[in-house]
Amino acid sequence: MLTANDIISAGLSAMRLRVNTIASNIANAETTRTPEGGPYRRKDVFLVAEEQKGFQATLDELTLAKPKVQAVIQDTSPGRKVFEPGHPDADEQGFVEYPNVNVVNSMTSLMDASRLYQANVSALKATNEMERNARQIATVF
């Protein structure tokens, strides 16, 4: 059960970071000037599967995978350019570069990450319930 809870907890943490990163992208979808200079750049959470070997997995020769945040990477693709000659961030031709954030795609990703977070919460509740039931059975015998 400890391995299952570790894996689920890692999934919860990874999805929380993904939700926060996507929310930051949406919040900055119109930010044309950052402290680093230039428009905001979309960020993505890069996850990898870290293999876990538990006791039961060793017996069954199954490999469990724990999600691990490898990095939060910045998308360097160019943003959209809009002709706004009066804008303070306009270049010499009058174009303003906006962030490379597509709000519709970001909202879809946000719903996906939110559902994955909820699935991890449900799995954690189920695991805790199984552990509680196993303890009750053990006290009977």
N, C-alpha and C. Protein backbone atom coordinates (compact mmCIF):
# COMPACT_ATOMS: atom_id res chain seq x y z
N MET A 1 0.81 -1.20 0.00
CA MET A 1 0.00 0.00 0.00
C MET A 1 0.86 1.26 0.00
N LEU A 2 2.01 1.16 0.63
CA LEU A 2 2.89 2.33 0.68
C LEU A 2 3.32 2.74 -0.71
N THR A 3 3.66 1.77 -1.55
CA THR A 3 4.07 2.08 -2.91
C THR A 3 2.94 2.75 -3.68
N ALA A 4 1.72 2.23 -3.54
CA ALA A 4 0.57 2.82 -4.22
C ALA A 4 0.36 4.26 -3.76
N ASN A 5 0.42 4.50 -2.47
CA ASN A 5 0.25 5.87 -1.96
C ASN A 5 1.37 6.79 -2.43
N ASP A 6 2.59 6.28 -2.51
CA ASP A 6 3.71 7.08 -3.02
C ASP A 6 3.48 7.49 -4.47
N ILE A 7 3.02 6.54 -5.27
CA ILE A 7 2.78 6.81 -6.68
C ILE A 7 1.63 7.80 -6.86
N ILE A 8 0.56 7.59 -6.10
CA ILE A 8 -0.58 8.50 -6.18
C ILE A 8 -0.20 9.90 -5.72
N SER A 9 0.57 9.98 -4.64
CA SER A 9 1.00 11.29 -4.13
C SER A 9 1.87 12.02 -5.15
N ALA A 10 2.73 11.28 -5.82
CA ALA A 10 3.57 11.89 -6.87
C ALA A 10 2.69 12.39 -8.01
N GLY A 11 1.64 11.63 -8.35
CA GLY A 11 0.71 12.05 -9.38
C GLY A 11 -0.03 13.32 -8.99
N LEU A 12 -0.45 13.39 -7.73
CA LEU A 12 -1.13 14.60 -7.24
C LEU A 12 -0.22 15.81 -7.33
N SER A 13 1.02 15.66 -6.90
CA SER A 13 1.98 16.78 -6.95
C SER A 13 2.25 17.21 -8.39
N ALA A 14 2.42 16.24 -9.26
CA ALA A 14 2.70 16.55 -10.67
C ALA A 14 1.53 17.29 -11.32
N MET A 15 0.31 16.83 -11.04
CA MET A 15 -0.87 17.48 -11.63
C MET A 15 -1.12 18.85 -11.02
N ARG A 16 -0.81 19.02 -9.74
CA ARG A 16 -0.95 20.34 -9.12
C ARG A 16 0.01 21.33 -9.80
N LEU A 17 1.25 20.90 -10.04
CA LEU A 17 2.20 21.77 -10.73
C LEU A 17 1.73 22.06 -12.15
N ARG A 18 1.20 21.05 -12.82
CA ARG A 18 0.72 21.24 -14.20
C ARG A 18 -0.46 22.23 -14.22
N VAL A 19 -1.40 22.09 -13.28
CA VAL A 19 -2.54 23.01 -13.20
C VAL A 19 -2.04 24.43 -12.94
N ASN A 20 -1.13 24.61 -12.01
CA ASN A 20 -0.59 25.94 -11.70
C ASN A 20 0.14 26.55 -12.89
N THR A 21 0.89 25.72 -13.62
CA THR A 21 1.63 26.22 -14.79
C THR A 21 0.68 26.65 -15.89
N ILE A 22 -0.34 25.85 -16.14
CA ILE A 22 -1.32 26.20 -17.18
C ILE A 22 -2.09 27.45 -16.77
N ALA A 23 -2.45 27.56 -15.50
CA ALA A 23 -3.15 28.76 -15.02
C ALA A 23 -2.29 30.00 -15.19
N SER A 24 -0.99 29.86 -14.96
CA SER A 24 -0.07 30.98 -15.18
C SER A 24 -0.02 31.36 -16.66
N ASN A 25 -0.02 30.35 -17.52
CA ASN A 25 -0.02 30.63 -18.96
C ASN A 25 -1.27 31.41 -19.35
N ILE A 26 -2.44 30.98 -18.86
CA ILE A 26 -3.69 31.66 -19.19
C ILE A 26 -3.70 33.09 -18.64
N ALA A 27 -3.21 33.24 -17.41
CA ALA A 27 -3.19 34.57 -16.78
C ALA A 27 -2.28 35.54 -17.54
N ASN A 28 -1.26 35.01 -18.18
CA ASN A 28 -0.30 35.88 -18.89
C ASN A 28 -0.48 35.87 -20.40
N ALA A 29 -1.64 35.46 -20.88
CA ALA A 29 -1.89 35.34 -22.32
C ALA A 29 -1.79 36.67 -23.06
N GLU A 30 -1.89 37.77 -22.35
CA GLU A 30 -1.81 39.10 -22.98
C GLU A 30 -0.62 39.91 -22.48
N THR A 31 0.29 39.30 -21.75
CA THR A 31 1.44 40.01 -21.19
C THR A 31 2.51 40.22 -22.26
N THR A 32 2.72 41.47 -22.63
CA THR A 32 3.69 41.77 -23.69
C THR A 32 5.06 42.17 -23.16
N ARG A 33 5.15 42.39 -21.85
CA ARG A 33 6.44 42.79 -21.29
C ARG A 33 6.68 42.06 -19.98
N THR A 34 7.80 41.36 -19.90
CA THR A 34 8.18 40.62 -18.69
C THR A 34 9.48 41.19 -18.15
N PRO A 35 9.83 40.87 -16.90
CA PRO A 35 11.10 41.35 -16.35
C PRO A 35 12.31 40.87 -17.17
N GLU A 36 12.18 39.71 -17.82
CA GLU A 36 13.27 39.19 -18.64
C GLU A 36 13.36 39.91 -19.98
N GLY A 37 12.31 40.65 -20.33
CA GLY A 37 12.25 41.34 -21.62
C GLY A 37 11.41 40.54 -22.61
N GLY A 38 10.65 41.25 -23.40
CA GLY A 38 9.80 40.61 -24.40
C GLY A 38 8.52 40.06 -23.79
N PRO A 39 7.72 39.41 -24.64
CA PRO A 39 6.45 38.88 -24.15
C PRO A 39 6.62 37.63 -23.30
N TYR A 40 5.58 37.30 -22.56
CA TYR A 40 5.55 36.08 -21.77
C TYR A 40 5.70 34.89 -22.71
N ARG A 41 6.39 33.86 -22.26
CA ARG A 41 6.56 32.62 -23.04
C ARG A 41 5.83 31.49 -22.30
N ARG A 42 5.04 30.75 -23.06
CA ARG A 42 4.29 29.63 -22.49
C ARG A 42 5.23 28.63 -21.86
N LYS A 43 4.79 28.06 -20.75
CA LYS A 43 5.59 27.05 -20.04
C LYS A 43 4.84 25.72 -20.06
N ASP A 44 5.59 24.64 -20.13
CA ASP A 44 5.03 23.28 -20.10
C ASP A 44 5.74 22.48 -19.03
N VAL A 45 5.00 21.56 -18.40
CA VAL A 45 5.57 20.64 -17.42
C VAL A 45 5.94 19.36 -18.16
N PHE A 46 7.20 18.97 -18.06
CA PHE A 46 7.69 17.77 -18.72
C PHE A 46 7.76 16.65 -17.68
N LEU A 47 6.89 15.63 -17.86
CA LEU A 47 6.81 14.51 -16.92
C LEU A 47 7.46 13.27 -17.52
N VAL A 48 8.07 12.47 -16.66
CA VAL A 48 8.61 11.18 -17.06
C VAL A 48 8.09 10.12 -16.09
N ALA A 49 8.13 8.88 -16.52
CA ALA A 49 7.70 7.77 -15.67
C ALA A 49 8.93 7.16 -15.02
N GLU A 50 8.97 7.19 -13.70
CA GLU A 50 10.08 6.63 -12.94
C GLU A 50 9.65 5.25 -12.43
N GLU A 51 10.32 4.22 -12.87
CA GLU A 51 9.93 2.86 -12.50
C GLU A 51 10.07 2.62 -11.00
N GLN A 52 9.07 1.91 -10.45
CA GLN A 52 9.05 1.56 -9.03
C GLN A 52 8.89 0.06 -8.91
N LYS A 53 9.65 -0.54 -8.07
CA LYS A 53 9.51 -1.97 -7.82
C LYS A 53 9.06 -2.16 -6.38
N GLY A 54 7.83 -2.61 -6.22
CA GLY A 54 7.31 -2.92 -4.90
C GLY A 54 7.39 -4.42 -4.67
N PHE A 55 7.06 -4.86 -3.48
CA PHE A 55 7.13 -6.28 -3.14
C PHE A 55 6.22 -7.10 -4.05
N GLN A 56 4.95 -6.68 -4.15
CA GLN A 56 4.01 -7.43 -4.98
C GLN A 56 4.41 -7.35 -6.45
N ALA A 57 4.90 -6.20 -6.88
CA ALA A 57 5.33 -6.06 -8.27
C ALA A 57 6.49 -7.00 -8.56
N THR A 58 7.37 -7.18 -7.60
CA THR A 58 8.49 -8.10 -7.78
C THR A 58 7.98 -9.53 -7.93
N LEU A 59 6.99 -9.89 -7.11
CA LEU A 59 6.42 -11.24 -7.19
C LEU A 59 5.72 -11.45 -8.53
N ASP A 60 4.99 -10.46 -8.98
CA ASP A 60 4.22 -10.58 -10.22
C ASP A 60 5.03 -10.19 -11.46
N GLU A 61 6.24 -9.73 -11.25
CA GLU A 61 7.11 -9.23 -12.32
C GLU A 61 6.45 -8.08 -13.08
N LEU A 62 5.74 -7.25 -12.34
CA LEU A 62 5.13 -6.06 -12.91
C LEU A 62 5.96 -4.85 -12.52
N THR A 63 5.99 -3.87 -13.36
CA THR A 63 6.70 -2.65 -13.04
C THR A 63 5.70 -1.53 -12.90
N LEU A 64 5.73 -0.86 -11.78
CA LEU A 64 4.89 0.31 -11.56
C LEU A 64 5.69 1.54 -11.95
N ALA A 65 4.99 2.57 -12.39
CA ALA A 65 5.67 3.80 -12.78
C ALA A 65 5.12 4.97 -11.95
N LYS A 66 6.03 5.74 -11.43
CA LYS A 66 5.69 6.91 -10.62
C LYS A 66 5.95 8.15 -11.47
N PRO A 67 4.98 9.05 -11.61
CA PRO A 67 5.23 10.26 -12.39
C PRO A 67 6.24 11.15 -11.69
N LYS A 68 7.15 11.68 -12.47
CA LYS A 68 8.18 12.56 -11.91
C LYS A 68 8.30 13.78 -12.82
N VAL A 69 8.34 14.95 -12.22
CA VAL A 69 8.51 16.18 -12.99
C VAL A 69 9.98 16.28 -13.35
N GLN A 70 10.25 16.18 -14.64
CA GLN A 70 11.63 16.29 -15.12
C GLN A 70 12.05 17.75 -15.16
N ALA A 71 11.14 18.60 -15.68
CA ALA A 71 11.46 20.02 -15.79
C ALA A 71 10.21 20.81 -16.15
N VAL A 72 10.25 22.09 -15.89
CA VAL A 72 9.26 23.01 -16.42
C VAL A 72 10.00 23.78 -17.51
N ILE A 73 9.57 23.56 -18.75
CA ILE A 73 10.30 24.13 -19.89
C ILE A 73 9.52 25.29 -20.50
N GLN A 74 10.26 26.21 -21.06
CA GLN A 74 9.68 27.38 -21.69
C GLN A 74 9.62 27.15 -23.19
N ASP A 75 8.45 27.39 -23.77
CA ASP A 75 8.25 27.25 -25.21
C ASP A 75 8.85 28.48 -25.89
N THR A 76 9.80 28.26 -26.77
CA THR A 76 10.48 29.38 -27.42
C THR A 76 9.88 29.74 -28.78
N SER A 77 8.76 29.12 -29.15
CA SER A 77 8.14 29.46 -30.43
C SER A 77 7.67 30.92 -30.40
N PRO A 78 7.68 31.57 -31.56
CA PRO A 78 7.29 32.98 -31.56
C PRO A 78 5.81 33.16 -31.26
N GLY A 79 5.49 34.30 -30.69
CA GLY A 79 4.10 34.64 -30.41
C GLY A 79 3.47 35.29 -31.63
N ARG A 80 2.22 35.67 -31.49
CA ARG A 80 1.54 36.32 -32.61
C ARG A 80 1.88 37.81 -32.63
N LYS A 81 2.00 38.34 -33.83
CA LYS A 81 2.30 39.77 -33.99
C LYS A 81 1.04 40.49 -34.43
N VAL A 82 0.77 41.60 -33.74
CA VAL A 82 -0.42 42.39 -34.01
C VAL A 82 0.03 43.82 -34.29
N PHE A 83 -0.57 44.42 -35.34
CA PHE A 83 -0.23 45.79 -35.69
C PHE A 83 -0.95 46.74 -34.75
N GLU A 84 -0.18 47.35 -33.85
CA GLU A 84 -0.69 48.32 -32.88
C GLU A 84 0.37 49.41 -32.69
N PRO A 85 0.45 50.34 -33.63
CA PRO A 85 1.54 51.33 -33.58
C PRO A 85 1.56 52.20 -32.32
N GLY A 86 0.44 52.40 -31.65
CA GLY A 86 0.41 53.23 -30.44
C GLY A 86 0.76 52.49 -29.17
N HIS A 87 0.95 51.19 -29.24
CA HIS A 87 1.24 50.37 -28.05
C HIS A 87 2.67 50.65 -27.57
N PRO A 88 2.89 50.75 -26.26
CA PRO A 88 4.24 51.04 -25.75
C PRO A 88 5.28 49.95 -26.10
N ASP A 89 4.83 48.72 -26.38
CA ASP A 89 5.77 47.65 -26.72
C ASP A 89 5.87 47.39 -28.23
N ALA A 90 5.34 48.31 -29.02
CA ALA A 90 5.40 48.15 -30.47
C ALA A 90 6.83 48.33 -30.97
N ASP A 91 7.20 47.53 -31.99
CA ASP A 91 8.52 47.68 -32.59
C ASP A 91 8.50 48.85 -33.58
N GLU A 92 9.61 49.07 -34.31
CA GLU A 92 9.72 50.21 -35.22
C GLU A 92 8.71 50.14 -36.37
N GLN A 93 8.20 48.96 -36.71
CA GLN A 93 7.17 48.83 -37.75
C GLN A 93 5.76 48.95 -37.17
N GLY A 94 5.61 49.05 -35.85
CA GLY A 94 4.31 49.20 -35.22
C GLY A 94 3.68 47.89 -34.79
N PHE A 95 4.44 46.78 -34.82
CA PHE A 95 3.89 45.48 -34.43
C PHE A 95 4.25 45.17 -32.98
N VAL A 96 3.29 44.56 -32.29
CA VAL A 96 3.48 44.12 -30.91
C VAL A 96 3.45 42.60 -30.92
N GLU A 97 4.46 41.99 -30.27
CA GLU A 97 4.48 40.53 -30.17
C GLU A 97 3.77 40.14 -28.87
N TYR A 98 2.72 39.32 -29.03
CA TYR A 98 1.96 38.80 -27.90
C TYR A 98 2.46 37.40 -27.54
N PRO A 99 2.16 36.93 -26.33
CA PRO A 99 2.63 35.61 -25.91
C PRO A 99 2.16 34.49 -26.84
N ASN A 100 2.92 33.41 -26.82
CA ASN A 100 2.62 32.23 -27.63
C ASN A 100 1.67 31.29 -26.90
N VAL A 101 0.65 31.87 -26.26
CA VAL A 101 -0.32 31.12 -25.47
C VAL A 101 -1.64 31.08 -26.24
N ASN A 102 -2.13 29.87 -26.51
CA ASN A 102 -3.44 29.69 -27.10
C ASN A 102 -4.38 29.36 -25.95
N VAL A 103 -5.27 30.28 -25.62
CA VAL A 103 -6.12 30.14 -24.44
C VAL A 103 -7.06 28.93 -24.57
N VAL A 104 -7.57 28.66 -25.76
CA VAL A 104 -8.47 27.53 -25.94
C VAL A 104 -7.74 26.21 -25.67
N ASN A 105 -6.54 26.06 -26.24
CA ASN A 105 -5.74 24.85 -25.98
C ASN A 105 -5.36 24.75 -24.51
N SER A 106 -5.05 25.88 -23.91
CA SER A 106 -4.68 25.89 -22.49
C SER A 106 -5.85 25.49 -21.61
N MET A 107 -7.05 25.94 -21.94
CA MET A 107 -8.22 25.56 -21.15
C MET A 107 -8.49 24.06 -21.27
N THR A 108 -8.29 23.50 -22.47
CA THR A 108 -8.45 22.07 -22.66
C THR A 108 -7.43 21.30 -21.82
N SER A 109 -6.18 21.75 -21.84
CA SER A 109 -5.14 21.12 -21.03
C SER A 109 -5.43 21.26 -19.54
N LEU A 110 -5.99 22.39 -19.15
CA LEU A 110 -6.34 22.62 -17.75
C LEU A 110 -7.43 21.65 -17.29
N MET A 111 -8.44 21.43 -18.13
CA MET A 111 -9.49 20.46 -17.79
C MET A 111 -8.91 19.06 -17.68
N ASP A 112 -8.00 18.71 -18.59
CA ASP A 112 -7.35 17.40 -18.57
C ASP A 112 -6.57 17.21 -17.27
N ALA A 113 -5.75 18.19 -16.93
CA ALA A 113 -4.94 18.11 -15.70
C ALA A 113 -5.83 18.06 -14.46
N SER A 114 -6.91 18.82 -14.47
CA SER A 114 -7.84 18.83 -13.34
C SER A 114 -8.50 17.46 -13.17
N ARG A 115 -8.88 16.85 -14.26
CA ARG A 115 -9.49 15.51 -14.18
C ARG A 115 -8.49 14.47 -13.70
N LEU A 116 -7.24 14.58 -14.15
CA LEU A 116 -6.22 13.66 -13.68
C LEU A 116 -5.97 13.84 -12.18
N TYR A 117 -6.00 15.08 -11.73
CA TYR A 117 -5.85 15.34 -10.30
C TYR A 117 -7.00 14.69 -9.52
N GLN A 118 -8.23 14.86 -10.02
CA GLN A 118 -9.39 14.27 -9.37
C GLN A 118 -9.31 12.74 -9.37
N ALA A 119 -8.81 12.16 -10.46
CA ALA A 119 -8.66 10.70 -10.52
C ALA A 119 -7.66 10.22 -9.47
N ASN A 120 -6.59 10.98 -9.27
CA ASN A 120 -5.61 10.63 -8.24
C ASN A 120 -6.21 10.73 -6.85
N VAL A 121 -7.05 11.73 -6.62
CA VAL A 121 -7.72 11.86 -5.32
C VAL A 121 -8.62 10.65 -5.08
N SER A 122 -9.37 10.25 -6.11
CA SER A 122 -10.25 9.07 -5.99
C SER A 122 -9.43 7.81 -5.71
N ALA A 123 -8.31 7.66 -6.39
CA ALA A 123 -7.45 6.49 -6.18
C ALA A 123 -6.88 6.49 -4.77
N LEU A 124 -6.51 7.65 -4.26
CA LEU A 124 -5.99 7.74 -2.89
C LEU A 124 -7.06 7.36 -1.87
N LYS A 125 -8.29 7.83 -2.09
CA LYS A 125 -9.39 7.47 -1.19
C LYS A 125 -9.63 5.97 -1.22
N ALA A 126 -9.61 5.37 -2.41
CA ALA A 126 -9.84 3.93 -2.54
C ALA A 126 -8.73 3.14 -1.86
N THR A 127 -7.50 3.57 -2.01
CA THR A 127 -6.36 2.91 -1.38
C THR A 127 -6.47 2.98 0.13
N ASN A 128 -6.82 4.15 0.64
CA ASN A 128 -6.98 4.31 2.09
C ASN A 128 -8.11 3.44 2.62
N GLU A 129 -9.20 3.34 1.85
CA GLU A 129 -10.32 2.49 2.26
C GLU A 129 -9.91 1.02 2.29
N MET A 130 -9.16 0.57 1.28
CA MET A 130 -8.67 -0.81 1.27
C MET A 130 -7.76 -1.09 2.45
N GLU A 131 -6.89 -0.12 2.77
CA GLU A 131 -5.98 -0.27 3.91
C GLU A 131 -6.78 -0.36 5.21
N ARG A 132 -7.80 0.47 5.36
CA ARG A 132 -8.64 0.45 6.55
C ARG A 132 -9.37 -0.90 6.67
N ASN A 133 -9.91 -1.40 5.56
CA ASN A 133 -10.59 -2.69 5.56
C ASN A 133 -9.62 -3.84 5.89
N ALA A 134 -8.41 -3.76 5.38
CA ALA A 134 -7.41 -4.80 5.66
C ALA A 134 -7.07 -4.82 7.15
N ARG A 135 -6.99 -3.64 7.78
CA ARG A 135 -6.72 -3.58 9.22
C ARG A 135 -7.87 -4.19 10.03
N GLN A 136 -9.08 -3.94 9.59
CA GLN A 136 -10.25 -4.50 10.29
C GLN A 136 -10.25 -6.04 10.17
N ILE A 137 -9.92 -6.54 9.00
CA ILE A 137 -9.86 -7.98 8.80
C ILE A 137 -8.76 -8.58 9.66
N ALA A 138 -7.63 -7.91 9.75
CA ALA A 138 -6.49 -8.40 10.54
C ALA A 138 -6.83 -8.44 12.02
N THR A 139 -7.64 -7.51 12.50
CA THR A 139 -7.97 -7.51 13.93
C THR A 139 -8.96 -8.61 14.27
N VAL A 140 -9.75 -9.06 13.29
CA VAL A 140 -10.69 -10.15 13.52
C VAL A 140 -9.95 -11.47 13.71
N PHE A 141 -8.90 -11.67 12.93
CA PHE A 141 -8.14 -12.92 13.00
C PHE A 141 -7.05 -12.74 13.99
